[in-house]
Amino acid sequence: MRNVIAHFANKWSMLLLVILDEFGVMRFNELSRAIPDISPKVLSGHLKTLESVGLVKRILYAEVPPRTEYELTDLGRTLIPILNQLSDWGRRHLNDITKSLSKYQ
């Protein structure tokens, strides 16, 4: 389980997957604007990781200047319902979690 989840169970990768699900095919700059607090280096690294595990497809067009687009693969789309459930759980329990965290700060 750890070997599979380690590739996408971080704040940026899960957010990228959800954004690509919502908006479909996106270019690098569009993704960067959708997540303004991620650096280009970190965004690029996470996209490469998601591509390497087969969750995101990178499409490179031989144009000048080169154009690159990203989209979810069929495998990536199978993960979206699970991420949505996790997000729903987080929203339902945010107050409880916040309350518990305040005891330790």
C-alpha atoms as a PDB file:
ATOM      1  CA  MET A   1       0.000   0.000   0.000  1.00  0.00           C
ATOM      2  CA  ARG A   2       2.758   2.433   0.942  1.00  0.00           C
ATOM      3  CA  ASN A   3       4.547   1.898  -2.380  1.00  0.00           C
ATOM      4  CA  VAL A   4       1.441   2.875  -4.345  1.00  0.00           C
ATOM      5  CA  ILE A   5       0.164   5.751  -2.221  1.00  0.00           C
ATOM      6  CA  ALA A   6       3.584   7.382  -1.881  1.00  0.00           C
ATOM      7  CA  HIS A   7       3.400   8.518  -5.507  1.00  0.00           C
ATOM      8  CA  PHE A   8       0.273  10.636  -5.158  1.00  0.00           C
ATOM      9  CA  ALA A   9      -0.602  11.027  -1.466  1.00  0.00           C
ATOM     10  CA  ASN A  10       0.716  14.535  -0.957  1.00  0.00           C
ATOM     11  CA  LYS A  11      -1.016  17.878  -1.045  1.00  0.00           C
ATOM     12  CA  TRP A  12       0.149  18.926  -4.509  1.00  0.00           C
ATOM     13  CA  SER A  13      -0.381  15.668  -6.395  1.00  0.00           C
ATOM     14  CA  MET A  14      -3.882  15.108  -5.061  1.00  0.00           C
ATOM     15  CA  LEU A  15      -4.777  18.731  -5.824  1.00  0.00           C
ATOM     16  CA  LEU A  16      -3.385  18.401  -9.362  1.00  0.00           C
ATOM     17  CA  LEU A  17      -5.454  15.276  -9.960  1.00  0.00           C
ATOM     18  CA  VAL A  18      -8.638  16.976  -8.750  1.00  0.00           C
ATOM     19  CA  ILE A  19      -7.961  20.092 -10.858  1.00  0.00           C
ATOM     20  CA  LEU A  20      -7.277  18.043 -13.980  1.00  0.00           C
ATOM     21  CA  ASP A  21     -10.494  16.139 -13.355  1.00  0.00           C
ATOM     22  CA  GLU A  22     -12.448  19.369 -13.033  1.00  0.00           C
ATOM     23  CA  PHE A  23     -10.960  21.257 -15.979  1.00  0.00           C
ATOM     24  CA  GLY A  24      -9.809  18.483 -18.324  1.00  0.00           C
ATOM     25  CA  VAL A  25      -6.802  19.104 -20.549  1.00  0.00           C
ATOM     26  CA  MET A  26      -4.600  21.898 -19.203  1.00  0.00           C
ATOM     27  CA  ARG A  27      -1.314  23.515 -20.089  1.00  0.00           C
ATOM     28  CA  PHE A  28       1.486  23.989 -17.573  1.00  0.00           C
ATOM     29  CA  ASN A  29       0.801  27.716 -17.122  1.00  0.00           C
ATOM     30  CA  GLU A  30      -2.913  27.067 -16.600  1.00  0.00           C
ATOM     31  CA  LEU A  31      -2.071  24.573 -13.856  1.00  0.00           C
ATOM     32  CA  SER A  32       0.360  27.060 -12.351  1.00  0.00           C
ATOM     33  CA  ARG A  33      -2.338  29.744 -12.264  1.00  0.00           C
ATOM     34  CA  ALA A  34      -4.836  27.288 -10.761  1.00  0.00           C
ATOM     35  CA  ILE A  35      -2.393  26.659  -7.868  1.00  0.00           C
ATOM     36  CA  PRO A  36      -0.635  29.995  -7.373  1.00  0.00           C
ATOM     37  CA  ASP A  37       1.367  28.937  -4.316  1.00  0.00           C
ATOM     38  CA  ILE A  38       3.210  26.059  -6.054  1.00  0.00           C
ATOM     39  CA  SER A  39       6.592  26.827  -7.602  1.00  0.00           C
ATOM     40  CA  PRO A  40       7.240  25.857 -11.234  1.00  0.00           C
ATOM     41  CA  LYS A  41       9.942  23.399 -10.120  1.00  0.00           C
ATOM     42  CA  VAL A  42       7.629  21.638  -7.666  1.00  0.00           C
ATOM     43  CA  LEU A  43       4.755  21.610 -10.183  1.00  0.00           C
ATOM     44  CA  SER A  44       6.991  20.115 -12.845  1.00  0.00           C
ATOM     45  CA  GLY A  45       8.283  17.454 -10.452  1.00  0.00           C
ATOM     46  CA  HIS A  46       4.829  16.379  -9.362  1.00  0.00           C
ATOM     47  CA  LEU A  47       3.550  16.253 -12.944  1.00  0.00           C
ATOM     48  CA  LYS A  48       6.520  14.033 -13.894  1.00  0.00           C
ATOM     49  CA  THR A  49       5.823  11.728 -10.958  1.00  0.00           C
ATOM     50  CA  LEU A  50       2.115  11.484 -11.802  1.00  0.00           C
ATOM     51  CA  GLU A  51       3.037  10.779 -15.418  1.00  0.00           C
ATOM     52  CA  SER A  52       5.573   8.109 -14.429  1.00  0.00           C
ATOM     53  CA  VAL A  53       2.966   6.159 -12.426  1.00  0.00           C
ATOM     54  CA  GLY A  54       0.405   6.444 -15.212  1.00  0.00           C
ATOM     55  CA  LEU A  55      -2.088   8.834 -13.604  1.00  0.00           C
ATOM     56  CA  VAL A  56      -1.429  11.813 -15.891  1.00  0.00           C
ATOM     57  CA  LYS A  57      -0.705  11.915 -19.613  1.00  0.00           C
ATOM     58  CA  ARG A  58       1.664  14.545 -21.015  1.00  0.00           C
ATOM     59  CA  ILE A  59       1.036  15.581 -24.610  1.00  0.00           C
ATOM     60  CA  LEU A  60       3.869  17.444 -26.346  1.00  0.00           C
ATOM     61  CA  TYR A  61       3.097  19.264 -29.606  1.00  0.00           C
ATOM     62  CA  ALA A  62       5.975  19.896 -32.013  1.00  0.00           C
ATOM     63  CA  GLU A  63       5.273  23.593 -32.483  1.00  0.00           C
ATOM     64  CA  VAL A  64       7.274  26.749 -32.056  1.00  0.00           C
ATOM     65  CA  PRO A  65       7.125  27.527 -29.232  1.00  0.00           C
ATOM     66  CA  PRO A  66       6.501  23.969 -27.997  1.00  0.00           C
ATOM     67  CA  ARG A  67       3.114  23.371 -26.396  1.00  0.00           C
ATOM     68  CA  THR A  68       2.615  20.809 -23.636  1.00  0.00           C
ATOM     69  CA  GLU A  69      -0.733  19.706 -22.242  1.00  0.00           C
ATOM     70  CA  TYR A  70      -1.637  17.460 -19.340  1.00  0.00           C
ATOM     71  CA  GLU A  71      -4.711  15.333 -18.738  1.00  0.00           C
ATOM     72  CA  LEU A  72      -5.804  12.461 -16.548  1.00  0.00           C
ATOM     73  CA  THR A  73      -5.366   8.966 -17.883  1.00  0.00           C
ATOM     74  CA  ASP A  74      -8.105   6.363 -17.548  1.00  0.00           C
ATOM     75  CA  LEU A  75      -6.204   5.051 -14.520  1.00  0.00           C
ATOM     76  CA  GLY A  76      -6.055   8.560 -13.043  1.00  0.00           C
ATOM     77  CA  ARG A  77      -9.795   8.955 -13.462  1.00  0.00           C
ATOM     78  CA  THR A  78     -10.389   5.813 -11.379  1.00  0.00           C
ATOM     79  CA  LEU A  79      -8.722   7.564  -8.442  1.00  0.00           C
ATOM     80  CA  ILE A  80     -11.021  10.618  -8.511  1.00  0.00           C
ATOM     81  CA  PRO A  81     -14.006   9.041  -6.688  1.00  0.00           C
ATOM     82  CA  ILE A  82     -11.653   8.001  -3.880  1.00  0.00           C
ATOM     83  CA  LEU A  83     -10.164  11.505  -3.640  1.00  0.00           C
ATOM     84  CA  ASN A  84     -13.668  12.965  -3.621  1.00  0.00           C
ATOM     85  CA  GLN A  85     -14.632  10.668  -0.737  1.00  0.00           C
ATOM     86  CA  LEU A  86     -11.517  11.728   1.174  1.00  0.00           C
ATOM     87  CA  SER A  87     -12.360  15.376   0.541  1.00  0.00           C
ATOM     88  CA  ASP A  88     -15.952  14.864   1.719  1.00  0.00           C
ATOM     89  CA  TRP A  89     -14.699  13.138   4.862  1.00  0.00           C
ATOM     90  CA  GLY A  90     -12.332  16.046   5.531  1.00  0.00           C
ATOM     91  CA  ARG A  91     -15.116  18.612   5.178  1.00  0.00           C
ATOM     92  CA  ARG A  92     -17.429  16.634   7.484  1.00  0.00           C
ATOM     93  CA  HIS A  93     -14.778  16.287  10.188  1.00  0.00           C
ATOM     94  CA  LEU A  94     -12.814  19.527   9.825  1.00  0.00           C
ATOM     95  CA  ASN A  95     -14.210  21.037  13.038  1.00  0.00           C
ATOM     96  CA  ASP A  96     -13.399  17.909  15.055  1.00  0.00           C
ATOM     97  CA  ILE A  97      -9.882  17.758  13.655  1.00  0.00           C
ATOM     98  CA  THR A  98      -9.305  21.477  14.251  1.00  0.00           C
ATOM     99  CA  LYS A  99     -10.544  21.120  17.813  1.00  0.00           C
ATOM    100  CA  SER A 100      -8.237  18.170  18.455  1.00  0.00           C
ATOM    101  CA  LEU A 101      -5.254  19.956  16.922  1.00  0.00           C
ATOM    102  CA  SER A 102      -5.801  23.029  19.099  1.00  0.00           C
ATOM    103  CA  LYS A 103      -5.145  20.880  22.182  1.00  0.00           C
ATOM    104  CA  TYR A 104      -1.593  20.260  20.961  1.00  0.00           C
ATOM    105  CA  GLN A 105      -0.614  23.756  19.881  1.00  0.00           C
END
